[in-house]
Amino acid sequence: MDADKYYIVKKKAVPEVLLKVVEAKRLLDSERVMTVQEATDKLNISRSSFYKYRDDIFPFHENNRERTITLMLQMDDTPGLLSNVLNQVAAHDANILTINQSIPMNGIAIITLSIEIMPQTSSTSIILSDIEELDGVHYIKILSRE
């Protein structure tokens, strides 16, 4: 069986754990919870289930439209780190609209980044998680969504 095949199934045919993974992603995207642990605890699923299925299940939206999110990042002022952040955004098929960086103070830079989320873009929570895992990124906050 080909692992890249897609199927459309009715909600009643989807196992409960997969529906909870979708709900956890929605909670993370809506900022009702800030961590995967909080989302999985709230929905009574394991973090391993979330990570196992997060890239494989998405809600079907007939009118999937692009949107823009603006992020604020606090990160070390080290050569190449901003480039690594931008590469993560590009790797998830999102489009960078604007970049603003403060003058670094005490080795810390504040970056404001506006990103266009396209229909083919990975989940916002996945993008944020991958950026947060970069060595030197202290935190990310979503400032706005349009």
N, C-alpha and C. Protein backbone atom coordinates (compact mmCIF):
# COMPACT_ATOMS: atom_id res chain seq x y z
N MET A 1 0.84 -1.18 0.00
CA MET A 1 0.00 0.00 0.00
C MET A 1 0.89 1.24 0.00
N ASP A 2 0.52 2.24 -0.79
CA ASP A 2 1.28 3.48 -0.93
C ASP A 2 0.99 4.40 0.25
N ALA A 3 2.04 4.81 0.98
CA ALA A 3 1.87 5.64 2.18
C ALA A 3 1.41 7.06 1.87
N ASP A 4 1.54 7.50 0.62
CA ASP A 4 1.16 8.86 0.26
C ASP A 4 -0.24 8.98 -0.33
N LYS A 5 -1.04 7.94 -0.27
CA LYS A 5 -2.41 8.02 -0.76
C LYS A 5 -3.27 8.76 0.25
N TYR A 6 -4.29 9.44 -0.26
CA TYR A 6 -5.21 10.19 0.60
C TYR A 6 -6.60 9.61 0.45
N TYR A 7 -7.37 9.68 1.52
CA TYR A 7 -8.73 9.20 1.54
C TYR A 7 -9.60 10.26 2.20
N ILE A 8 -10.82 10.36 1.78
CA ILE A 8 -11.79 11.18 2.48
C ILE A 8 -12.77 10.22 3.12
N VAL A 9 -12.87 10.31 4.44
CA VAL A 9 -13.78 9.44 5.19
C VAL A 9 -14.67 10.31 6.06
N LYS A 10 -15.83 9.79 6.38
CA LYS A 10 -16.73 10.51 7.28
C LYS A 10 -16.17 10.46 8.69
N LYS A 11 -16.51 11.49 9.45
CA LYS A 11 -16.02 11.62 10.82
C LYS A 11 -16.32 10.38 11.65
N LYS A 12 -17.48 9.78 11.46
CA LYS A 12 -17.85 8.63 12.28
C LYS A 12 -16.94 7.42 12.03
N ALA A 13 -16.19 7.42 10.91
CA ALA A 13 -15.30 6.30 10.61
C ALA A 13 -13.87 6.53 11.13
N VAL A 14 -13.61 7.71 11.66
CA VAL A 14 -12.26 8.05 12.13
C VAL A 14 -12.12 7.66 13.60
N PRO A 15 -11.06 6.95 13.96
CA PRO A 15 -10.86 6.59 15.36
C PRO A 15 -10.78 7.84 16.25
N GLU A 16 -11.27 7.69 17.47
CA GLU A 16 -11.36 8.81 18.40
C GLU A 16 -10.00 9.48 18.64
N VAL A 17 -8.94 8.71 18.71
CA VAL A 17 -7.62 9.30 18.97
C VAL A 17 -7.24 10.28 17.86
N LEU A 18 -7.60 9.97 16.63
CA LEU A 18 -7.27 10.87 15.52
C LEU A 18 -8.08 12.16 15.59
N LEU A 19 -9.33 12.04 16.00
CA LEU A 19 -10.16 13.24 16.17
C LEU A 19 -9.60 14.11 17.28
N LYS A 20 -9.08 13.48 18.33
CA LYS A 20 -8.48 14.24 19.43
C LYS A 20 -7.18 14.92 19.00
N VAL A 21 -6.44 14.30 18.10
CA VAL A 21 -5.23 14.93 17.57
C VAL A 21 -5.60 16.19 16.79
N VAL A 22 -6.64 16.11 15.98
CA VAL A 22 -7.12 17.29 15.24
C VAL A 22 -7.54 18.38 16.22
N GLU A 23 -8.25 18.00 17.28
CA GLU A 23 -8.70 18.97 18.27
C GLU A 23 -7.50 19.58 19.00
N ALA A 24 -6.49 18.78 19.30
CA ALA A 24 -5.29 19.30 19.96
C ALA A 24 -4.59 20.33 19.06
N LYS A 25 -4.50 20.03 17.78
CA LYS A 25 -3.90 20.98 16.84
C LYS A 25 -4.71 22.27 16.80
N ARG A 26 -6.03 22.15 16.83
CA ARG A 26 -6.88 23.34 16.82
C ARG A 26 -6.66 24.17 18.08
N LEU A 27 -6.57 23.51 19.23
CA LEU A 27 -6.33 24.22 20.48
C LEU A 27 -4.99 24.96 20.45
N LEU A 28 -3.97 24.29 19.93
CA LEU A 28 -2.66 24.92 19.84
C LEU A 28 -2.67 26.10 18.88
N ASP A 29 -3.35 25.95 17.75
CA ASP A 29 -3.44 27.04 16.77
C ASP A 29 -4.23 28.22 17.31
N SER A 30 -5.24 27.95 18.13
CA SER A 30 -6.09 29.03 18.65
C SER A 30 -5.51 29.67 19.91
N GLU A 31 -4.40 29.15 20.39
CA GLU A 31 -3.74 29.63 21.60
C GLU A 31 -4.57 29.42 22.86
N ARG A 32 -5.55 28.54 22.83
CA ARG A 32 -6.29 28.23 24.06
C ARG A 32 -5.40 27.46 25.02
N VAL A 33 -4.42 26.78 24.47
CA VAL A 33 -3.38 26.14 25.26
C VAL A 33 -2.06 26.49 24.61
N MET A 34 -1.00 26.49 25.38
CA MET A 34 0.29 26.93 24.84
C MET A 34 1.25 25.79 24.56
N THR A 35 1.03 24.62 25.16
CA THR A 35 1.98 23.53 24.97
C THR A 35 1.24 22.27 24.51
N VAL A 36 1.98 21.39 23.88
CA VAL A 36 1.42 20.10 23.46
C VAL A 36 0.97 19.33 24.70
N GLN A 37 1.74 19.41 25.77
CA GLN A 37 1.38 18.69 27.00
C GLN A 37 0.02 19.15 27.52
N GLU A 38 -0.22 20.46 27.53
CA GLU A 38 -1.52 20.99 27.99
C GLU A 38 -2.65 20.49 27.09
N ALA A 39 -2.43 20.50 25.79
CA ALA A 39 -3.47 20.05 24.85
C ALA A 39 -3.77 18.57 25.02
N THR A 40 -2.73 17.76 25.14
CA THR A 40 -2.95 16.32 25.26
C THR A 40 -3.56 15.96 26.61
N ASP A 41 -3.15 16.67 27.66
CA ASP A 41 -3.76 16.44 28.98
C ASP A 41 -5.25 16.78 28.94
N LYS A 42 -5.57 17.90 28.32
CA LYS A 42 -6.96 18.35 28.25
C LYS A 42 -7.83 17.35 27.50
N LEU A 43 -7.27 16.72 26.47
CA LEU A 43 -8.04 15.81 25.63
C LEU A 43 -7.85 14.34 26.01
N ASN A 44 -7.03 14.09 27.03
CA ASN A 44 -6.81 12.74 27.53
C ASN A 44 -6.24 11.80 26.45
N ILE A 45 -5.21 12.29 25.77
CA ILE A 45 -4.45 11.44 24.84
C ILE A 45 -2.97 11.58 25.20
N SER A 46 -2.18 10.65 24.74
CA SER A 46 -0.75 10.72 25.04
C SER A 46 -0.06 11.67 24.07
N ARG A 47 1.03 12.25 24.53
CA ARG A 47 1.82 13.11 23.64
C ARG A 47 2.37 12.30 22.47
N SER A 48 2.70 11.03 22.73
CA SER A 48 3.24 10.20 21.65
C SER A 48 2.20 9.99 20.55
N SER A 49 0.93 9.85 20.92
CA SER A 49 -0.13 9.74 19.91
C SER A 49 -0.23 11.02 19.10
N PHE A 50 -0.15 12.16 19.80
CA PHE A 50 -0.21 13.44 19.09
C PHE A 50 0.91 13.52 18.06
N TYR A 51 2.14 13.27 18.50
CA TYR A 51 3.28 13.38 17.59
C TYR A 51 3.25 12.32 16.49
N LYS A 52 2.72 11.16 16.79
CA LYS A 52 2.65 10.10 15.78
C LYS A 52 1.72 10.47 14.64
N TYR A 53 0.58 11.12 14.95
CA TYR A 53 -0.45 11.36 13.93
C TYR A 53 -0.58 12.80 13.48
N ARG A 54 0.11 13.75 14.12
CA ARG A 54 -0.13 15.17 13.84
C ARG A 54 0.07 15.56 12.38
N ASP A 55 0.99 14.91 11.69
CA ASP A 55 1.24 15.26 10.30
C ASP A 55 0.37 14.47 9.32
N ASP A 56 -0.47 13.57 9.84
CA ASP A 56 -1.23 12.69 8.97
C ASP A 56 -2.73 12.94 8.94
N ILE A 57 -3.24 13.81 9.79
CA ILE A 57 -4.68 14.06 9.79
C ILE A 57 -4.94 15.56 9.87
N PHE A 58 -5.84 16.00 9.00
CA PHE A 58 -6.20 17.41 8.91
C PHE A 58 -7.70 17.49 8.67
N PRO A 59 -8.34 18.52 9.23
CA PRO A 59 -9.75 18.70 8.90
C PRO A 59 -9.89 19.12 7.45
N PHE A 60 -10.97 18.71 6.82
CA PHE A 60 -11.23 19.07 5.43
C PHE A 60 -12.04 20.35 5.41
N HIS A 61 -11.48 21.39 4.78
CA HIS A 61 -12.18 22.67 4.66
C HIS A 61 -12.37 22.95 3.18
N GLU A 62 -13.60 23.04 2.76
CA GLU A 62 -13.85 23.30 1.34
C GLU A 62 -13.40 24.69 0.94
N ASN A 63 -13.43 25.64 1.85
CA ASN A 63 -13.03 27.00 1.51
C ASN A 63 -11.73 27.36 2.24
N ASN A 64 -10.73 26.51 2.05
CA ASN A 64 -9.44 26.73 2.69
C ASN A 64 -8.78 27.97 2.08
N ARG A 65 -8.65 29.03 2.88
CA ARG A 65 -8.10 30.29 2.39
C ARG A 65 -6.78 30.56 3.10
N GLU A 66 -5.99 31.40 2.44
CA GLU A 66 -4.73 31.80 3.05
C GLU A 66 -5.00 32.73 4.22
N ARG A 67 -4.05 32.81 5.12
CA ARG A 67 -4.15 33.75 6.24
C ARG A 67 -2.74 34.20 6.63
N THR A 68 -2.68 35.24 7.40
CA THR A 68 -1.41 35.80 7.82
C THR A 68 -1.31 35.72 9.34
N ILE A 69 -0.14 35.30 9.82
CA ILE A 69 0.12 35.36 11.26
C ILE A 69 1.37 36.22 11.47
N THR A 70 1.36 36.95 12.56
CA THR A 70 2.52 37.75 12.93
C THR A 70 3.06 37.20 14.23
N LEU A 71 4.35 36.91 14.23
CA LEU A 71 5.02 36.30 15.37
C LEU A 71 6.06 37.25 15.96
N MET A 72 6.27 37.13 17.24
CA MET A 72 7.40 37.80 17.88
C MET A 72 8.29 36.70 18.46
N LEU A 73 9.55 36.78 18.15
CA LEU A 73 10.52 35.80 18.63
C LEU A 73 11.59 36.52 19.45
N GLN A 74 11.97 35.90 20.55
CA GLN A 74 13.14 36.36 21.30
C GLN A 74 14.20 35.29 21.10
N MET A 75 15.38 35.73 20.62
CA MET A 75 16.40 34.75 20.31
C MET A 75 17.79 35.34 20.47
N ASP A 76 18.76 34.45 20.57
CA ASP A 76 20.16 34.87 20.68
C ASP A 76 20.56 35.59 19.40
N ASP A 77 21.43 36.57 19.54
CA ASP A 77 21.99 37.28 18.40
C ASP A 77 23.25 36.54 17.96
N THR A 78 23.04 35.42 17.26
CA THR A 78 24.16 34.63 16.77
C THR A 78 24.07 34.51 15.26
N PRO A 79 25.22 34.54 14.58
CA PRO A 79 25.21 34.44 13.12
C PRO A 79 24.50 33.17 12.63
N GLY A 80 23.61 33.34 11.68
CA GLY A 80 22.92 32.21 11.06
C GLY A 80 21.62 31.80 11.71
N LEU A 81 21.33 32.26 12.94
CA LEU A 81 20.11 31.81 13.62
C LEU A 81 18.86 32.34 12.92
N LEU A 82 18.84 33.60 12.53
CA LEU A 82 17.68 34.12 11.82
C LEU A 82 17.49 33.38 10.50
N SER A 83 18.56 33.08 9.84
CA SER A 83 18.50 32.30 8.60
C SER A 83 17.88 30.93 8.85
N ASN A 84 18.24 30.29 9.96
CA ASN A 84 17.67 28.99 10.31
C ASN A 84 16.16 29.10 10.56
N VAL A 85 15.74 30.19 11.22
CA VAL A 85 14.31 30.41 11.46
C VAL A 85 13.58 30.55 10.12
N LEU A 86 14.13 31.36 9.24
CA LEU A 86 13.50 31.59 7.93
C LEU A 86 13.46 30.30 7.11
N ASN A 87 14.50 29.49 7.23
CA ASN A 87 14.51 28.20 6.53
C ASN A 87 13.42 27.27 7.04
N GLN A 88 13.14 27.31 8.36
CA GLN A 88 12.06 26.50 8.92
C GLN A 88 10.71 26.94 8.33
N VAL A 89 10.50 28.24 8.23
CA VAL A 89 9.25 28.75 7.66
C VAL A 89 9.12 28.26 6.22
N ALA A 90 10.18 28.39 5.45
CA ALA A 90 10.15 27.97 4.04
C ALA A 90 9.97 26.45 3.92
N ALA A 91 10.57 25.70 4.82
CA ALA A 91 10.46 24.24 4.77
C ALA A 91 9.02 23.76 4.97
N HIS A 92 8.20 24.58 5.62
CA HIS A 92 6.80 24.23 5.86
C HIS A 92 5.86 24.87 4.84
N ASP A 93 6.43 25.35 3.73
CA ASP A 93 5.65 25.93 2.62
C ASP A 93 4.86 27.16 3.02
N ALA A 94 5.39 27.95 3.93
CA ALA A 94 4.79 29.23 4.28
C ALA A 94 5.59 30.33 3.59
N ASN A 95 4.98 31.50 3.46
CA ASN A 95 5.60 32.61 2.75
C ASN A 95 5.91 33.73 3.73
N ILE A 96 7.14 34.19 3.75
CA ILE A 96 7.55 35.28 4.64
C ILE A 96 7.15 36.60 3.99
N LEU A 97 6.36 37.40 4.73
CA LEU A 97 5.90 38.68 4.21
C LEU A 97 6.76 39.84 4.71
N THR A 98 7.03 39.88 6.02
CA THR A 98 7.86 40.95 6.58
C THR A 98 8.76 40.39 7.68
N ILE A 99 9.91 41.05 7.85
CA ILE A 99 10.84 40.72 8.92
C ILE A 99 11.31 42.04 9.52
N ASN A 100 11.20 42.18 10.83
CA ASN A 100 11.74 43.34 11.54
C ASN A 100 12.56 42.82 12.71
N GLN A 101 13.75 43.39 12.88
CA GLN A 101 14.59 42.98 14.00
C GLN A 101 15.00 44.22 14.78
N SER A 102 14.90 44.13 16.10
CA SER A 102 15.39 45.21 16.96
C SER A 102 16.91 45.17 16.99
N ILE A 103 17.49 46.25 17.46
CA ILE A 103 18.93 46.25 17.69
C ILE A 103 19.18 45.31 18.87
N PRO A 104 20.01 44.30 18.69
CA PRO A 104 20.26 43.34 19.79
C PRO A 104 20.85 44.02 21.01
N MET A 105 20.36 43.62 22.15
CA MET A 105 20.87 44.12 23.42
C MET A 105 21.22 42.92 24.29
N ASN A 106 22.41 42.97 24.89
CA ASN A 106 22.88 41.88 25.75
C ASN A 106 22.83 40.52 25.04
N GLY A 107 23.09 40.53 23.74
CA GLY A 107 23.15 39.29 22.98
C GLY A 107 21.79 38.71 22.62
N ILE A 108 20.70 39.47 22.85
CA ILE A 108 19.34 38.99 22.57
C ILE A 108 18.70 39.90 21.52
N ALA A 109 18.07 39.31 20.52
CA ALA A 109 17.36 40.06 19.48
C ALA A 109 15.87 39.74 19.56
N ILE A 110 15.06 40.74 19.26
CA ILE A 110 13.62 40.56 19.15
C ILE A 110 13.27 40.68 17.67
N ILE A 111 12.63 39.65 17.14
CA ILE A 111 12.25 39.60 15.73
C ILE A 111 10.73 39.60 15.63
N THR A 112 10.21 40.41 14.73
CA THR A 112 8.79 40.35 14.38
C THR A 112 8.72 39.82 12.96
N LEU A 113 7.94 38.77 12.77
CA LEU A 113 7.89 38.06 11.50
C LEU A 113 6.44 37.88 11.09
N SER A 114 6.08 38.34 9.90
CA SER A 114 4.74 38.10 9.36
C SER A 114 4.85 37.01 8.31
N ILE A 115 3.99 36.02 8.45
CA ILE A 115 4.04 34.83 7.59
C ILE A 115 2.68 34.60 6.96
N GLU A 116 2.68 34.34 5.67
CA GLU A 116 1.45 33.97 4.97
C GLU A 116 1.32 32.45 5.02
N ILE A 117 0.23 31.99 5.59
CA ILE A 117 -0.04 30.56 5.69
C ILE A 117 -0.89 30.18 4.48
N MET A 118 -0.36 29.32 3.66
CA MET A 118 -1.01 28.89 2.42
C MET A 118 -1.77 27.59 2.67
N PRO A 119 -2.65 27.20 1.75
CA PRO A 119 -3.38 25.93 1.93
C PRO A 119 -2.47 24.72 2.09
N GLN A 120 -1.31 24.73 1.46
CA GLN A 120 -0.39 23.59 1.54
C GLN A 120 0.57 23.68 2.72
N THR A 121 0.51 24.77 3.49
CA THR A 121 1.42 24.98 4.61
C THR A 121 1.11 24.00 5.74
N SER A 122 2.16 23.57 6.41
CA SER A 122 2.00 22.73 7.60
C SER A 122 1.19 23.47 8.65
N SER A 123 0.71 22.75 9.63
CA SER A 123 -0.02 23.34 10.74
C SER A 123 0.84 24.41 11.42
N THR A 124 0.20 25.50 11.83
CA THR A 124 0.91 26.57 12.53
C THR A 124 1.62 26.03 13.76
N SER A 125 0.98 25.15 14.49
CA SER A 125 1.61 24.61 15.70
C SER A 125 2.88 23.83 15.37
N ILE A 126 2.92 23.17 14.25
CA ILE A 126 4.11 22.41 13.85
C ILE A 126 5.24 23.39 13.49
N ILE A 127 4.90 24.43 12.74
CA ILE A 127 5.91 25.43 12.38
C ILE A 127 6.51 26.04 13.65
N LEU A 128 5.63 26.46 14.57
CA LEU A 128 6.11 27.08 15.80
C LEU A 128 6.96 26.12 16.62
N SER A 129 6.53 24.89 16.71
CA SER A 129 7.28 23.89 17.46
C SER A 129 8.68 23.69 16.87
N ASP A 130 8.75 23.60 15.55
CA ASP A 130 10.05 23.40 14.90
C ASP A 130 10.97 24.60 15.09
N ILE A 131 10.41 25.81 15.07
CA ILE A 131 11.23 27.00 15.30
C ILE A 131 11.69 27.04 16.76
N GLU A 132 10.79 26.74 17.69
CA GLU A 132 11.14 26.75 19.11
C GLU A 132 12.26 25.76 19.44
N GLU A 133 12.35 24.68 18.67
CA GLU A 133 13.37 23.67 18.92
C GLU A 133 14.76 24.10 18.46
N LEU A 134 14.85 25.18 17.69
CA LEU A 134 16.15 25.65 17.24
C LEU A 134 16.96 26.17 18.42
N ASP A 135 18.22 25.78 18.48
CA ASP A 135 19.10 26.22 19.56
C ASP A 135 19.29 27.73 19.46
N GLY A 136 18.95 28.45 20.52
CA GLY A 136 19.10 29.90 20.55
C GLY A 136 17.78 30.65 20.50
N VAL A 137 16.68 29.96 20.17
CA VAL A 137 15.36 30.59 20.19
C VAL A 137 14.80 30.43 21.60
N HIS A 138 14.49 31.56 22.24
CA HIS A 138 14.02 31.53 23.62
C HIS A 138 12.51 31.34 23.70
N TYR A 139 11.76 32.11 22.93
CA TYR A 139 10.32 31.91 22.89
C TYR A 139 9.71 32.56 21.65
N ILE A 140 8.51 32.11 21.35
CA ILE A 140 7.73 32.65 20.23
C ILE A 140 6.35 32.99 20.76
N LYS A 141 5.83 34.10 20.32
CA LYS A 141 4.47 34.49 20.68
C LYS A 141 3.75 34.91 19.41
N ILE A 142 2.50 34.45 19.27
CA ILE A 142 1.69 34.89 18.13
C ILE A 142 1.08 36.23 18.51
N LEU A 143 1.40 37.26 17.72
CA LEU A 143 0.88 38.60 17.99
C LEU A 143 -0.48 38.82 17.34
N SER A 144 -0.66 38.28 16.14
CA SER A 144 -1.95 38.48 15.46
C SER A 144 -2.16 37.40 14.41
N ARG A 145 -3.44 37.26 14.05
CA ARG A 145 -3.86 36.38 12.94
C ARG A 145 -4.88 37.14 12.13
N GLU A 146 -4.77 37.00 10.84
CA GLU A 146 -5.75 37.66 9.95
C GLU A 146 -6.32 36.63 9.00
